[in-house]
Amino acid sequence: MRVSEFDFELPQRLVAARPIEPRDAARLLVVGAALEDRHMLDLPRLLRRGDLLVVNDTRVIPARLVGRRGAARVEVTLHRDLGGGRWRAFAKGAKRLKLGDRLAFGEGFAAEVAEKHAEGDITLAFALEGEAFRAALERFGAMPLPPYIKRAGDARDRSDYQTIFAAKEGAVAAPTAGLHFTDRLLAALDEAGIGRLAVTLHVGAGTFLPVKAEDTRGHRMHGEWGFLDEEAARRIAATRAHGGRIVAVGTTSLRLLESAADEAGRVQPFAGETALFITPGYRFRAVDLLLTNFHLPRSTLFMLVAGFAGLERMKRAYAHAVERGYRFFSYGDASLLYPER
């Protein structure tokens, strides 16, 4: 499909720079046979007893680093841990970097440019690894806010850009549908008999990369590491067997579930990398409903929701959201999507 088909106009004033407080006060647009304006606190009444929410328990690391290459300022965002102190990273001005260049990010914290890749990113080799590396990253790193948030990250983002489910370190972008959940909302979901299950997909910075191809067939997704254990697969199968629906909390959970599903729709244990790219025409096998935020025009995430709920329906939903003043992107409001039938 032409990438231009996924374009739409969005006023800059609707891009949320901060999350709403409390988080569960976010608005919720239900996109089904009709459009309904609701709030996240309505979610327990919108789902059914026996449904299963599948959340992503990845934890965002402070992956953005600002340092020096000699007298020049350099900014990098780590996006994949290769082990042994080596990380793949996106770097501003990567073309100017040379193999062997030393980048200093703070006292005792530096890296060497070990490789340059055709995809435009680089591999950095740090002298530190393990706990020493994590401690230095906590000291000198910043939360990797998306590029459309036009302000510097601050101490508040250390908590704001982390979901209530965050447990397993490794993401360099938040699974933002999970940002709307609070203890109050989880208690209400429990009271309503709605189950909850955590899986892990370490979201990469590639989620923010623009689609430069003119046709979706020309775009290559960056891989991300995911994990879904045998117990999770069993609970999903049991939910389905008892007539419950699988509700993916976020596009990250959805992509992991779909990557783990076989041709018959049975979700299997999964551990490895997925680069699943979903566009209209994809046959969904594992997910019945999708809770997600509002996404960038021409992005792989908008392509995914268009594949799930229908392109024309999503264009109408986004036009409605713009007209009604919904807040967009990572710190914005949410939508609950029913699949196109």
C-alpha atoms as a PDB file:
ATOM      1  CA  MET A   1       0.000   0.000   0.000  1.00  0.00           C
ATOM      2  CA  ARG A   2       1.066   3.589  -0.552  1.00  0.00           C
ATOM      3  CA  VAL A   3       2.389   5.137   2.658  1.00  0.00           C
ATOM      4  CA  SER A   4       0.553   8.364   1.751  1.00  0.00           C
ATOM      5  CA  GLU A   5      -2.735   6.541   2.432  1.00  0.00           C
ATOM      6  CA  PHE A   6      -1.868   6.625   6.144  1.00  0.00           C
ATOM      7  CA  ASP A   7      -1.414  10.387   6.332  1.00  0.00           C
ATOM      8  CA  PHE A   8      -3.686  12.782   8.229  1.00  0.00           C
ATOM      9  CA  GLU A   9      -3.588  16.319   9.580  1.00  0.00           C
ATOM     10  CA  LEU A  10      -2.895  16.784  13.278  1.00  0.00           C
ATOM     11  CA  PRO A  11      -2.714  20.169  15.033  1.00  0.00           C
ATOM     12  CA  GLN A  12       0.440  20.496  17.150  1.00  0.00           C
ATOM     13  CA  ARG A  13      -1.691  21.693  20.082  1.00  0.00           C
ATOM     14  CA  LEU A  14      -3.084  18.146  20.472  1.00  0.00           C
ATOM     15  CA  VAL A  15       0.329  16.544  21.042  1.00  0.00           C
ATOM     16  CA  ALA A  16       0.497  15.880  24.795  1.00  0.00           C
ATOM     17  CA  ALA A  17       3.701  17.067  26.470  1.00  0.00           C
ATOM     18  CA  ARG A  18       2.719  15.649  29.880  1.00  0.00           C
ATOM     19  CA  PRO A  19       0.344  12.871  30.968  1.00  0.00           C
ATOM     20  CA  ILE A  20      -2.973  13.790  32.514  1.00  0.00           C
ATOM     21  CA  GLU A  21      -3.288  13.377  36.279  1.00  0.00           C
ATOM     22  CA  PRO A  22      -4.489  11.021  37.557  1.00  0.00           C
ATOM     23  CA  ARG A  23      -3.510   8.682  34.746  1.00  0.00           C
ATOM     24  CA  ASP A  24      -6.850   6.871  34.691  1.00  0.00           C
ATOM     25  CA  ALA A  25      -8.621  10.188  33.949  1.00  0.00           C
ATOM     26  CA  ALA A  26      -7.503   9.875  30.315  1.00  0.00           C
ATOM     27  CA  ARG A  27     -10.233   9.878  27.714  1.00  0.00           C
ATOM     28  CA  LEU A  28     -11.057   6.678  25.854  1.00  0.00           C
ATOM     29  CA  LEU A  29     -12.488   6.584  22.330  1.00  0.00           C
ATOM     30  CA  VAL A  30     -14.292   3.310  21.667  1.00  0.00           C
ATOM     31  CA  VAL A  31     -14.029   2.432  17.967  1.00  0.00           C
ATOM     32  CA  GLY A  32     -16.557  -0.211  17.007  1.00  0.00           C
ATOM     33  CA  ALA A  33     -19.683  -0.140  14.879  1.00  0.00           C
ATOM     34  CA  ALA A  34     -19.999   3.444  16.153  1.00  0.00           C
ATOM     35  CA  LEU A  35     -17.718   5.860  17.998  1.00  0.00           C
ATOM     36  CA  GLU A  36     -18.209   6.364  21.747  1.00  0.00           C
ATOM     37  CA  ASP A  37     -16.519   9.021  23.890  1.00  0.00           C
ATOM     38  CA  ARG A  38     -15.667   7.443  27.225  1.00  0.00           C
ATOM     39  CA  HIS A  39     -12.895   7.517  29.868  1.00  0.00           C
ATOM     40  CA  MET A  40     -10.346   4.941  31.006  1.00  0.00           C
ATOM     41  CA  LEU A  41     -12.282   4.438  34.243  1.00  0.00           C
ATOM     42  CA  ASP A  42     -15.132   3.073  32.093  1.00  0.00           C
ATOM     43  CA  LEU A  43     -12.955   0.168  30.907  1.00  0.00           C
ATOM     44  CA  PRO A  44     -14.259  -2.389  33.455  1.00  0.00           C
ATOM     45  CA  ARG A  45     -17.809  -1.762  32.147  1.00  0.00           C
ATOM     46  CA  LEU A  46     -16.726  -1.953  28.501  1.00  0.00           C
ATOM     47  CA  LEU A  47     -15.149  -5.396  28.914  1.00  0.00           C
ATOM     48  CA  ARG A  48     -16.773  -8.650  29.976  1.00  0.00           C
ATOM     49  CA  ARG A  49     -16.194 -10.929  32.939  1.00  0.00           C
ATOM     50  CA  GLY A  50     -13.745 -13.588  31.798  1.00  0.00           C
ATOM     51  CA  ASP A  51     -11.862 -11.329  29.362  1.00  0.00           C
ATOM     52  CA  LEU A  52      -8.070 -11.253  29.693  1.00  0.00           C
ATOM     53  CA  LEU A  53      -5.950  -8.094  29.501  1.00  0.00           C
ATOM     54  CA  VAL A  54      -2.438  -8.783  28.196  1.00  0.00           C
ATOM     55  CA  VAL A  55      -0.017  -6.079  29.334  1.00  0.00           C
ATOM     56  CA  ASN A  56       3.663  -5.454  28.593  1.00  0.00           C
ATOM     57  CA  ASP A  57       5.865  -5.468  31.709  1.00  0.00           C
ATOM     58  CA  THR A  58       9.000  -4.063  30.078  1.00  0.00           C
ATOM     59  CA  ARG A  59      10.782  -1.272  31.950  1.00  0.00           C
ATOM     60  CA  VAL A  60      12.266   1.743  30.189  1.00  0.00           C
ATOM     61  CA  ILE A  61      15.952   2.424  30.802  1.00  0.00           C
ATOM     62  CA  PRO A  62      17.450   5.965  30.683  1.00  0.00           C
ATOM     63  CA  ALA A  63      18.850   5.242  27.234  1.00  0.00           C
ATOM     64  CA  ARG A  64      19.492   8.777  25.950  1.00  0.00           C
ATOM     65  CA  LEU A  65      23.064   9.957  26.444  1.00  0.00           C
ATOM     66  CA  VAL A  66      24.669  13.313  25.678  1.00  0.00           C
ATOM     67  CA  GLY A  67      28.437  13.386  25.497  1.00  0.00           C
ATOM     68  CA  ARG A  68      31.465  14.771  23.696  1.00  0.00           C
ATOM     69  CA  ARG A  69      33.591  13.621  20.798  1.00  0.00           C
ATOM     70  CA  GLY A  70      36.549  15.878  21.367  1.00  0.00           C
ATOM     71  CA  ALA A  71      35.013  19.364  21.369  1.00  0.00           C
ATOM     72  CA  ALA A  72      31.870  18.289  19.513  1.00  0.00           C
ATOM     73  CA  ARG A  73      28.590  17.513  21.274  1.00  0.00           C
ATOM     74  CA  VAL A  74      27.067  14.139  20.449  1.00  0.00           C
ATOM     75  CA  GLU A  75      23.697  12.629  21.382  1.00  0.00           C
ATOM     76  CA  VAL A  76      22.892   8.916  21.181  1.00  0.00           C
ATOM     77  CA  THR A  77      19.955   6.699  22.049  1.00  0.00           C
ATOM     78  CA  LEU A  78      20.791   3.105  22.914  1.00  0.00           C
ATOM     79  CA  HIS A  79      18.338   0.653  21.422  1.00  0.00           C
ATOM     80  CA  ARG A  80      19.730  -2.890  21.607  1.00  0.00           C
ATOM     81  CA  ASP A  81      21.943  -4.613  24.164  1.00  0.00           C
ATOM     82  CA  LEU A  82      24.362  -6.882  22.306  1.00  0.00           C
ATOM     83  CA  GLY A  83      26.061  -8.098  25.495  1.00  0.00           C
ATOM     84  CA  GLY A  84      29.601  -7.600  26.705  1.00  0.00           C
ATOM     85  CA  GLY A  85      29.172  -3.840  27.025  1.00  0.00           C
ATOM     86  CA  ARG A  86      28.254  -3.420  23.352  1.00  0.00           C
ATOM     87  CA  TRP A  87      25.082  -1.579  22.321  1.00  0.00           C
ATOM     88  CA  ARG A  88      23.532  -0.625  19.035  1.00  0.00           C
ATOM     89  CA  ALA A  89      22.504   3.020  19.111  1.00  0.00           C
ATOM     90  CA  PHE A  90      21.025   5.779  17.015  1.00  0.00           C
ATOM     91  CA  ALA A  91      23.256   8.851  16.932  1.00  0.00           C
ATOM     92  CA  LYS A  92      22.545  12.360  15.758  1.00  0.00           C
ATOM     93  CA  GLY A  93      25.081  13.106  13.060  1.00  0.00           C
ATOM     94  CA  ALA A  94      26.067   9.436  12.805  1.00  0.00           C
ATOM     95  CA  LYS A  95      27.611   9.996   9.363  1.00  0.00           C
ATOM     96  CA  ARG A  96      30.254  12.246  10.924  1.00  0.00           C
ATOM     97  CA  LEU A  97      31.339   9.560  13.375  1.00  0.00           C
ATOM     98  CA  LYS A  98      34.303   7.369  12.484  1.00  0.00           C
ATOM     99  CA  LEU A  99      35.282   3.898  13.635  1.00  0.00           C
ATOM    100  CA  GLY A 100      37.385   4.204  16.762  1.00  0.00           C
ATOM    101  CA  ASP A 101      35.962   7.584  17.804  1.00  0.00           C
ATOM    102  CA  ARG A 102      35.752   7.910  21.588  1.00  0.00           C
ATOM    103  CA  LEU A 103      32.517   9.335  23.016  1.00  0.00           C
ATOM    104  CA  ALA A 104      32.669  10.558  26.622  1.00  0.00           C
ATOM    105  CA  PHE A 105      29.352  10.720  28.501  1.00  0.00           C
ATOM    106  CA  GLY A 106      30.565  11.414  32.042  1.00  0.00           C
ATOM    107  CA  GLU A 107      33.296  10.689  34.516  1.00  0.00           C
ATOM    108  CA  GLY A 108      34.419   7.104  33.954  1.00  0.00           C
ATOM    109  CA  PHE A 109      31.682   6.495  31.355  1.00  0.00           C
ATOM    110  CA  ALA A 110      32.761   6.399  27.719  1.00  0.00           C
ATOM    111  CA  ALA A 111      32.380   4.289  24.592  1.00  0.00           C
ATOM    112  CA  GLU A 112      34.148   3.676  21.313  1.00  0.00           C
ATOM    113  CA  VAL A 113      32.431   3.563  17.918  1.00  0.00           C
ATOM    114  CA  ALA A 114      32.939  -0.115  17.039  1.00  0.00           C
ATOM    115  CA  GLU A 115      30.732  -0.463  13.942  1.00  0.00           C
ATOM    116  CA  LYS A 116      28.636   1.605  11.544  1.00  0.00           C
ATOM    117  CA  HIS A 117      25.606  -0.099  10.022  1.00  0.00           C
ATOM    118  CA  ALA A 118      23.801   0.236   6.711  1.00  0.00           C
ATOM    119  CA  GLU A 119      20.571   0.939   8.618  1.00  0.00           C
ATOM    120  CA  GLY A 120      22.102   4.223   9.835  1.00  0.00           C
ATOM    121  CA  ASP A 121      22.800   3.268  13.440  1.00  0.00           C
ATOM    122  CA  ILE A 122      26.111   2.390  15.126  1.00  0.00           C
ATOM    123  CA  THR A 123      27.534  -0.086  17.625  1.00  0.00           C
ATOM    124  CA  LEU A 124      29.122   1.389  20.728  1.00  0.00           C
ATOM    125  CA  ALA A 125      31.600  -0.556  22.856  1.00  0.00           C
ATOM    126  CA  PHE A 126      31.527   0.581  26.504  1.00  0.00           C
ATOM    127  CA  ALA A 127      34.291  -0.159  28.973  1.00  0.00           C
ATOM    128  CA  LEU A 128      31.632  -0.955  31.589  1.00  0.00           C
ATOM    129  CA  GLU A 129      29.076  -3.740  31.618  1.00  0.00           C
ATOM    130  CA  GLY A 130      26.631  -5.363  34.003  1.00  0.00           C
ATOM    131  CA  GLU A 131      25.803  -3.543  37.222  1.00  0.00           C
ATOM    132  CA  ALA A 132      28.568  -0.968  36.713  1.00  0.00           C
ATOM    133  CA  PHE A 133      27.088  -0.063  33.344  1.00  0.00           C
ATOM    134  CA  ARG A 134      23.554   0.166  34.772  1.00  0.00           C
ATOM    135  CA  ALA A 135      24.738   2.445  37.573  1.00  0.00           C
ATOM    136  CA  ALA A 136      26.493   4.758  35.101  1.00  0.00           C
ATOM    137  CA  LEU A 137      23.417   4.804  32.848  1.00  0.00           C
ATOM    138  CA  GLU A 138      21.210   5.764  35.794  1.00  0.00           C
ATOM    139  CA  ARG A 139      23.621   8.568  36.666  1.00  0.00           C
ATOM    140  CA  PHE A 140      24.286  10.027  33.227  1.00  0.00           C
ATOM    141  CA  GLY A 141      21.357   8.863  31.072  1.00  0.00           C
ATOM    142  CA  ALA A 142      17.962  10.469  30.467  1.00  0.00           C
ATOM    143  CA  MET A 143      14.605   8.960  29.668  1.00  0.00           C
ATOM    144  CA  PRO A 144      14.324   8.604  25.875  1.00  0.00           C
ATOM    145  CA  LEU A 145      11.272  10.784  25.277  1.00  0.00           C
ATOM    146  CA  PRO A 146       9.838  10.602  21.752  1.00  0.00           C
ATOM    147  CA  PRO A 147      11.093  13.275  19.330  1.00  0.00           C
ATOM    148  CA  TYR A 148       7.621  14.814  18.985  1.00  0.00           C
ATOM    149  CA  ILE A 149       7.685  15.938  22.641  1.00  0.00           C
ATOM    150  CA  LYS A 150       9.282  19.338  22.156  1.00  0.00           C
ATOM    151  CA  ARG A 151      10.913  19.790  25.540  1.00  0.00           C
ATOM    152  CA  ALA A 152      13.845  18.407  27.449  1.00  0.00           C
ATOM    153  CA  GLY A 153      13.225  15.392  29.631  1.00  0.00           C
ATOM    154  CA  ASP A 154      13.315  15.990  33.387  1.00  0.00           C
ATOM    155  CA  ALA A 155      13.143  14.145  36.701  1.00  0.00           C
ATOM    156  CA  ARG A 156       9.360  13.831  36.491  1.00  0.00           C
ATOM    157  CA  ASP A 157       9.658  11.792  33.300  1.00  0.00           C
ATOM    158  CA  ARG A 158      11.532   9.100  35.244  1.00  0.00           C
ATOM    159  CA  SER A 159       8.159   8.082  36.684  1.00  0.00           C
ATOM    160  CA  ASP A 160       5.749   9.518  34.097  1.00  0.00           C
ATOM    161  CA  TYR A 161       7.311   7.519  31.244  1.00  0.00           C
ATOM    162  CA  GLN A 162       7.044   4.203  33.098  1.00  0.00           C
ATOM    163  CA  THR A 163       3.940   2.023  33.335  1.00  0.00           C
ATOM    164  CA  ILE A 164       2.550   0.573  36.551  1.00  0.00           C
ATOM    165  CA  PHE A 165       3.481  -2.865  35.148  1.00  0.00           C
ATOM    166  CA  ALA A 166       7.169  -2.029  34.522  1.00  0.00           C
ATOM    167  CA  ALA A 167       9.357  -4.811  35.920  1.00  0.00           C
ATOM    168  CA  LYS A 168      11.896  -6.097  33.383  1.00  0.00           C
ATOM    169  CA  GLU A 169      14.523  -3.617  32.207  1.00  0.00           C
ATOM    170  CA  GLY A 170      15.270  -3.344  28.515  1.00  0.00           C
ATOM    171  CA  ALA A 171      12.946  -0.954  26.707  1.00  0.00           C
ATOM    172  CA  VAL A 172      14.044   2.367  25.270  1.00  0.00           C
ATOM    173  CA  ALA A 173      10.461   3.504  24.656  1.00  0.00           C
ATOM    174  CA  ALA A 174       7.422   3.025  26.864  1.00  0.00           C
ATOM    175  CA  PRO A 175       4.538   0.697  25.943  1.00  0.00           C
ATOM    176  CA  THR A 176       2.315   3.728  26.250  1.00  0.00           C
ATOM    177  CA  ALA A 177      -1.138   2.119  26.426  1.00  0.00           C
ATOM    178  CA  GLY A 178      -0.067   0.881  29.851  1.00  0.00           C
ATOM    179  CA  LEU A 179       0.547   4.431  31.086  1.00  0.00           C
ATOM    180  CA  HIS A 180      -3.192   4.889  31.754  1.00  0.00           C
ATOM    181  CA  PHE A 181      -3.462   2.237  34.458  1.00  0.00           C
ATOM    182  CA  THR A 182      -3.524   2.967  38.189  1.00  0.00           C
ATOM    183  CA  ASP A 183      -4.064   0.888  41.309  1.00  0.00           C
ATOM    184  CA  ARG A 184      -7.647   2.205  41.386  1.00  0.00           C
ATOM    185  CA  LEU A 185      -8.369   1.059  37.834  1.00  0.00           C
ATOM    186  CA  LEU A 186      -6.717  -2.332  38.368  1.00  0.00           C
ATOM    187  CA  ALA A 187      -8.845  -2.904  41.471  1.00  0.00           C
ATOM    188  CA  ALA A 188     -11.996  -2.092  39.488  1.00  0.00           C
ATOM    189  CA  LEU A 189     -10.948  -4.505  36.730  1.00  0.00           C
ATOM    190  CA  ASP A 190     -10.322  -7.229  39.307  1.00  0.00           C
ATOM    191  CA  GLU A 191     -13.759  -6.591  40.847  1.00  0.00           C
ATOM    192  CA  ALA A 192     -15.334  -6.907  37.388  1.00  0.00           C
ATOM    193  CA  GLY A 193     -13.762 -10.337  36.886  1.00  0.00           C
ATOM    194  CA  ILE A 194     -11.365  -9.253  34.125  1.00  0.00           C
ATOM    195  CA  GLY A 195      -8.098 -11.158  34.159  1.00  0.00           C
ATOM    196  CA  ARG A 196      -4.623  -9.774  33.643  1.00  0.00           C
ATOM    197  CA  LEU A 197      -1.464 -11.311  32.241  1.00  0.00           C
ATOM    198  CA  ALA A 198       2.015  -9.842  31.724  1.00  0.00           C
ATOM    199  CA  VAL A 199       4.269 -10.576  28.755  1.00  0.00           C
ATOM    200  CA  THR A 200       7.508  -8.825  27.800  1.00  0.00           C
ATOM    201  CA  LEU A 201       8.467  -6.972  24.638  1.00  0.00           C
ATOM    202  CA  HIS A 202      11.424  -4.618  24.976  1.00  0.00           C
ATOM    203  CA  VAL A 203      10.317  -1.669  22.867  1.00  0.00           C
ATOM    204  CA  GLY A 204      13.085  -0.231  20.686  1.00  0.00           C
ATOM    205  CA  ALA A 205      13.724   3.309  19.505  1.00  0.00           C
ATOM    206  CA  GLY A 206      12.955   2.068  16.000  1.00  0.00           C
ATOM    207  CA  THR A 207       9.284   2.532  16.877  1.00  0.00           C
ATOM    208  CA  PHE A 208       9.806   6.282  16.307  1.00  0.00           C
ATOM    209  CA  LEU A 209      11.684   5.997  13.015  1.00  0.00           C
ATOM    210  CA  PRO A 210       9.826   7.505  10.064  1.00  0.00           C
ATOM    211  CA  VAL A 211       8.718   5.313   7.189  1.00  0.00           C
ATOM    212  CA  LYS A 212      10.846   6.623   4.329  1.00  0.00           C
ATOM    213  CA  ALA A 213       9.623   4.204   1.682  1.00  0.00           C
ATOM    214  CA  GLU A 214       6.790   5.272  -0.612  1.00  0.00           C
ATOM    215  CA  ASP A 215       5.180   1.828  -0.382  1.00  0.00           C
ATOM    216  CA  THR A 216       4.751  -0.261   2.775  1.00  0.00           C
ATOM    217  CA  ARG A 217       6.471  -3.190   1.037  1.00  0.00           C
ATOM    218  CA  GLY A 218       9.690  -1.164   1.037  1.00  0.00           C
ATOM    219  CA  HIS A 219       9.828  -0.628   4.808  1.00  0.00           C
ATOM    220  CA  ARG A 220      11.963  -2.803   7.085  1.00  0.00           C
ATOM    221  CA  MET A 221      11.047  -3.034  10.764  1.00  0.00           C
ATOM    222  CA  HIS A 222      13.711  -3.064  13.478  1.00  0.00           C
ATOM    223  CA  GLY A 223      13.634  -6.217  15.560  1.00  0.00           C
ATOM    224  CA  GLU A 224      12.656  -6.203  19.240  1.00  0.00           C
ATOM    225  CA  TRP A 225      13.172  -8.929  21.844  1.00  0.00           C
ATOM    226  CA  GLY A 226      10.103 -10.546  23.402  1.00  0.00           C
ATOM    227  CA  PHE A 227       9.234 -13.275  25.889  1.00  0.00           C
ATOM    228  CA  LEU A 228       6.014 -15.168  26.584  1.00  0.00           C
ATOM    229  CA  ASP A 229       6.233 -18.218  28.838  1.00  0.00           C
ATOM    230  CA  GLU A 230       4.339 -21.498  28.937  1.00  0.00           C
ATOM    231  CA  GLU A 231       2.067 -20.348  31.774  1.00  0.00           C
ATOM    232  CA  ALA A 232       1.037 -17.277  29.758  1.00  0.00           C
ATOM    233  CA  ALA A 233       0.254 -19.442  26.730  1.00  0.00           C
ATOM    234  CA  ARG A 234      -1.818 -21.751  28.942  1.00  0.00           C
ATOM    235  CA  ARG A 235      -3.847 -18.887  30.428  1.00  0.00           C
ATOM    236  CA  ILE A 236      -4.568 -17.450  26.986  1.00  0.00           C
ATOM    237  CA  ALA A 237      -5.780 -20.839  25.768  1.00  0.00           C
ATOM    238  CA  ALA A 238      -7.946 -21.278  28.889  1.00  0.00           C
ATOM    239  CA  THR A 239      -9.491 -17.814  28.425  1.00  0.00           C
ATOM    240  CA  ARG A 240     -10.394 -18.621  24.847  1.00  0.00           C
ATOM    241  CA  ALA A 241     -11.778 -22.036  25.807  1.00  0.00           C
ATOM    242  CA  HIS A 242     -14.161 -20.376  28.297  1.00  0.00           C
ATOM    243  CA  GLY A 243     -15.385 -17.756  25.821  1.00  0.00           C
ATOM    244  CA  GLY A 244     -13.248 -14.876  27.086  1.00  0.00           C
ATOM    245  CA  ARG A 245     -11.631 -12.332  24.801  1.00  0.00           C
ATOM    246  CA  ILE A 246      -7.923 -11.515  24.554  1.00  0.00           C
ATOM    247  CA  VAL A 247      -7.476  -7.756  24.993  1.00  0.00           C
ATOM    248  CA  ALA A 248      -4.014  -6.530  24.002  1.00  0.00           C
ATOM    249  CA  VAL A 249      -2.899  -3.512  26.021  1.00  0.00           C
ATOM    250  CA  GLY A 250      -0.834  -1.739  23.405  1.00  0.00           C
ATOM    251  CA  THR A 251       0.545  -2.508  19.973  1.00  0.00           C
ATOM    252  CA  THR A 252       3.631  -4.057  21.601  1.00  0.00           C
ATOM    253  CA  SER A 253       1.579  -6.723  23.392  1.00  0.00           C
ATOM    254  CA  LEU A 254      -0.381  -7.323  20.199  1.00  0.00           C
ATOM    255  CA  ARG A 255       2.728  -7.822  18.058  1.00  0.00           C
ATOM    256  CA  LEU A 256       4.195 -10.259  20.567  1.00  0.00           C
ATOM    257  CA  LEU A 257       0.952 -12.261  20.773  1.00  0.00           C
ATOM    258  CA  GLU A 258       0.659 -12.396  16.993  1.00  0.00           C
ATOM    259  CA  SER A 259       4.318 -13.414  16.689  1.00  0.00           C
ATOM    260  CA  ALA A 260       3.710 -16.249  19.147  1.00  0.00           C
ATOM    261  CA  ALA A 261       0.506 -17.539  17.502  1.00  0.00           C
ATOM    262  CA  ASP A 262       0.487 -20.474  15.116  1.00  0.00           C
ATOM    263  CA  GLU A 263      -1.650 -20.655  11.977  1.00  0.00           C
ATOM    264  CA  ALA A 264      -4.612 -21.944  13.999  1.00  0.00           C
ATOM    265  CA  GLY A 265      -4.401 -18.978  16.380  1.00  0.00           C
ATOM    266  CA  ARG A 266      -2.955 -20.953  19.299  1.00  0.00           C
ATOM    267  CA  VAL A 267      -0.454 -18.844  21.235  1.00  0.00           C
ATOM    268  CA  GLN A 268       2.762 -20.751  21.908  1.00  0.00           C
ATOM    269  CA  PRO A 269       5.650 -19.952  24.288  1.00  0.00           C
ATOM    270  CA  PHE A 270       7.984 -17.462  22.631  1.00  0.00           C
ATOM    271  CA  ALA A 271      11.469 -16.156  23.339  1.00  0.00           C
ATOM    272  CA  GLY A 272      13.362 -14.254  20.696  1.00  0.00           C
ATOM    273  CA  GLU A 273      13.253 -11.362  18.298  1.00  0.00           C
ATOM    274  CA  THR A 274      10.232 -10.192  16.366  1.00  0.00           C
ATOM    275  CA  ALA A 275      10.126  -7.708  13.516  1.00  0.00           C
ATOM    276  CA  LEU A 276       6.470  -8.264  12.672  1.00  0.00           C
ATOM    277  CA  PHE A 277       5.145  -5.456  10.441  1.00  0.00           C
ATOM    278  CA  ILE A 278       1.333  -5.329  10.377  1.00  0.00           C
ATOM    279  CA  THR A 279      -0.578  -3.470   7.664  1.00  0.00           C
ATOM    280  CA  PRO A 280      -4.127  -3.773   6.271  1.00  0.00           C
ATOM    281  CA  GLY A 281      -4.689  -7.247   4.932  1.00  0.00           C
ATOM    282  CA  TYR A 282      -2.936  -8.975   7.830  1.00  0.00           C
ATOM    283  CA  ARG A 283      -4.977 -11.843   9.309  1.00  0.00           C
ATOM    284  CA  PHE A 284      -5.098 -11.465  13.101  1.00  0.00           C
ATOM    285  CA  ARG A 285      -4.976 -14.760  14.949  1.00  0.00           C
ATOM    286  CA  ALA A 286      -4.489 -14.076  18.653  1.00  0.00           C
ATOM    287  CA  VAL A 287      -6.134 -10.760  19.648  1.00  0.00           C
ATOM    288  CA  ASP A 288      -9.816  -9.842  19.935  1.00  0.00           C
ATOM    289  CA  LEU A 289      -9.632  -6.213  21.160  1.00  0.00           C
ATOM    290  CA  LEU A 290      -6.845  -3.619  21.222  1.00  0.00           C
ATOM    291  CA  LEU A 291      -6.351  -0.812  23.740  1.00  0.00           C
ATOM    292  CA  THR A 292      -3.914   1.719  22.319  1.00  0.00           C
ATOM    293  CA  ASN A 293      -2.983   5.397  22.168  1.00  0.00           C
ATOM    294  CA  PHE A 294      -3.336   7.719  19.170  1.00  0.00           C
ATOM    295  CA  HIS A 295      -0.420   7.383  16.778  1.00  0.00           C
ATOM    296  CA  LEU A 296       1.654   9.430  14.359  1.00  0.00           C
ATOM    297  CA  PRO A 297       0.529   9.898  10.764  1.00  0.00           C
ATOM    298  CA  ARG A 298       2.348   7.632   8.269  1.00  0.00           C
ATOM    299  CA  SER A 299       3.756   5.555  11.156  1.00  0.00           C
ATOM    300  CA  THR A 300       3.964   1.773  11.417  1.00  0.00           C
ATOM    301  CA  LEU A 301       1.723   2.023  14.491  1.00  0.00           C
ATOM    302  CA  PHE A 302      -1.057   3.795  12.586  1.00  0.00           C
ATOM    303  CA  MET A 303      -0.663   1.165   9.863  1.00  0.00           C
ATOM    304  CA  LEU A 304      -1.124  -1.536  12.517  1.00  0.00           C
ATOM    305  CA  VAL A 305      -4.331  -0.045  13.955  1.00  0.00           C
ATOM    306  CA  ALA A 306      -5.625   0.458  10.404  1.00  0.00           C
ATOM    307  CA  GLY A 307      -4.949  -3.219   9.784  1.00  0.00           C
ATOM    308  CA  PHE A 308      -6.822  -4.165  12.953  1.00  0.00           C
ATOM    309  CA  ALA A 309      -9.868  -1.883  12.794  1.00  0.00           C
ATOM    310  CA  GLY A 310      -9.913  -0.817   9.125  1.00  0.00           C
ATOM    311  CA  LEU A 311      -8.216   2.129   7.460  1.00  0.00           C
ATOM    312  CA  GLU A 312     -11.331   4.140   6.662  1.00  0.00           C
ATOM    313  CA  ARG A 313     -12.798   3.535  10.116  1.00  0.00           C
ATOM    314  CA  MET A 314      -9.540   4.657  11.766  1.00  0.00           C
ATOM    315  CA  LYS A 315      -9.391   7.779   9.611  1.00  0.00           C
ATOM    316  CA  ARG A 316     -12.929   8.632  10.759  1.00  0.00           C
ATOM    317  CA  ALA A 317     -11.990   7.864  14.367  1.00  0.00           C
ATOM    318  CA  TYR A 318      -8.907  10.096  14.229  1.00  0.00           C
ATOM    319  CA  ALA A 319     -10.867  12.920  12.583  1.00  0.00           C
ATOM    320  CA  HIS A 320     -13.400  12.600  15.416  1.00  0.00           C
ATOM    321  CA  ALA A 321     -10.599  12.627  17.996  1.00  0.00           C
ATOM    322  CA  VAL A 322      -9.101  15.794  16.489  1.00  0.00           C
ATOM    323  CA  GLU A 323     -12.502  17.494  16.408  1.00  0.00           C
ATOM    324  CA  ARG A 324     -13.203  16.556  20.053  1.00  0.00           C
ATOM    325  CA  GLY A 325      -9.758  17.607  21.276  1.00  0.00           C
ATOM    326  CA  TYR A 326      -8.334  14.241  22.283  1.00  0.00           C
ATOM    327  CA  ARG A 327      -4.674  14.320  23.337  1.00  0.00           C
ATOM    328  CA  PHE A 328      -2.337  12.440  20.993  1.00  0.00           C
ATOM    329  CA  PHE A 329       0.747  10.214  21.176  1.00  0.00           C
ATOM    330  CA  SER A 330       2.693   8.768  24.127  1.00  0.00           C
ATOM    331  CA  TYR A 331       1.330  10.993  26.907  1.00  0.00           C
ATOM    332  CA  GLY A 332      -2.085  11.332  25.274  1.00  0.00           C
ATOM    333  CA  ASP A 333      -5.482   9.648  25.485  1.00  0.00           C
ATOM    334  CA  ALA A 334      -6.468   6.098  24.537  1.00  0.00           C
ATOM    335  CA  SER A 335      -8.736   4.180  22.184  1.00  0.00           C
ATOM    336  CA  LEU A 336     -10.379   0.778  22.461  1.00  0.00           C
ATOM    337  CA  LEU A 337     -10.537  -0.867  19.035  1.00  0.00           C
ATOM    338  CA  TYR A 338     -12.837  -3.604  17.817  1.00  0.00           C
ATOM    339  CA  PRO A 339     -11.577  -5.549  14.786  1.00  0.00           C
ATOM    340  CA  GLU A 340     -12.897  -4.927  11.306  1.00  0.00           C
ATOM    341  CA  ARG A 341     -15.220  -7.743  10.331  1.00  0.00           C
END
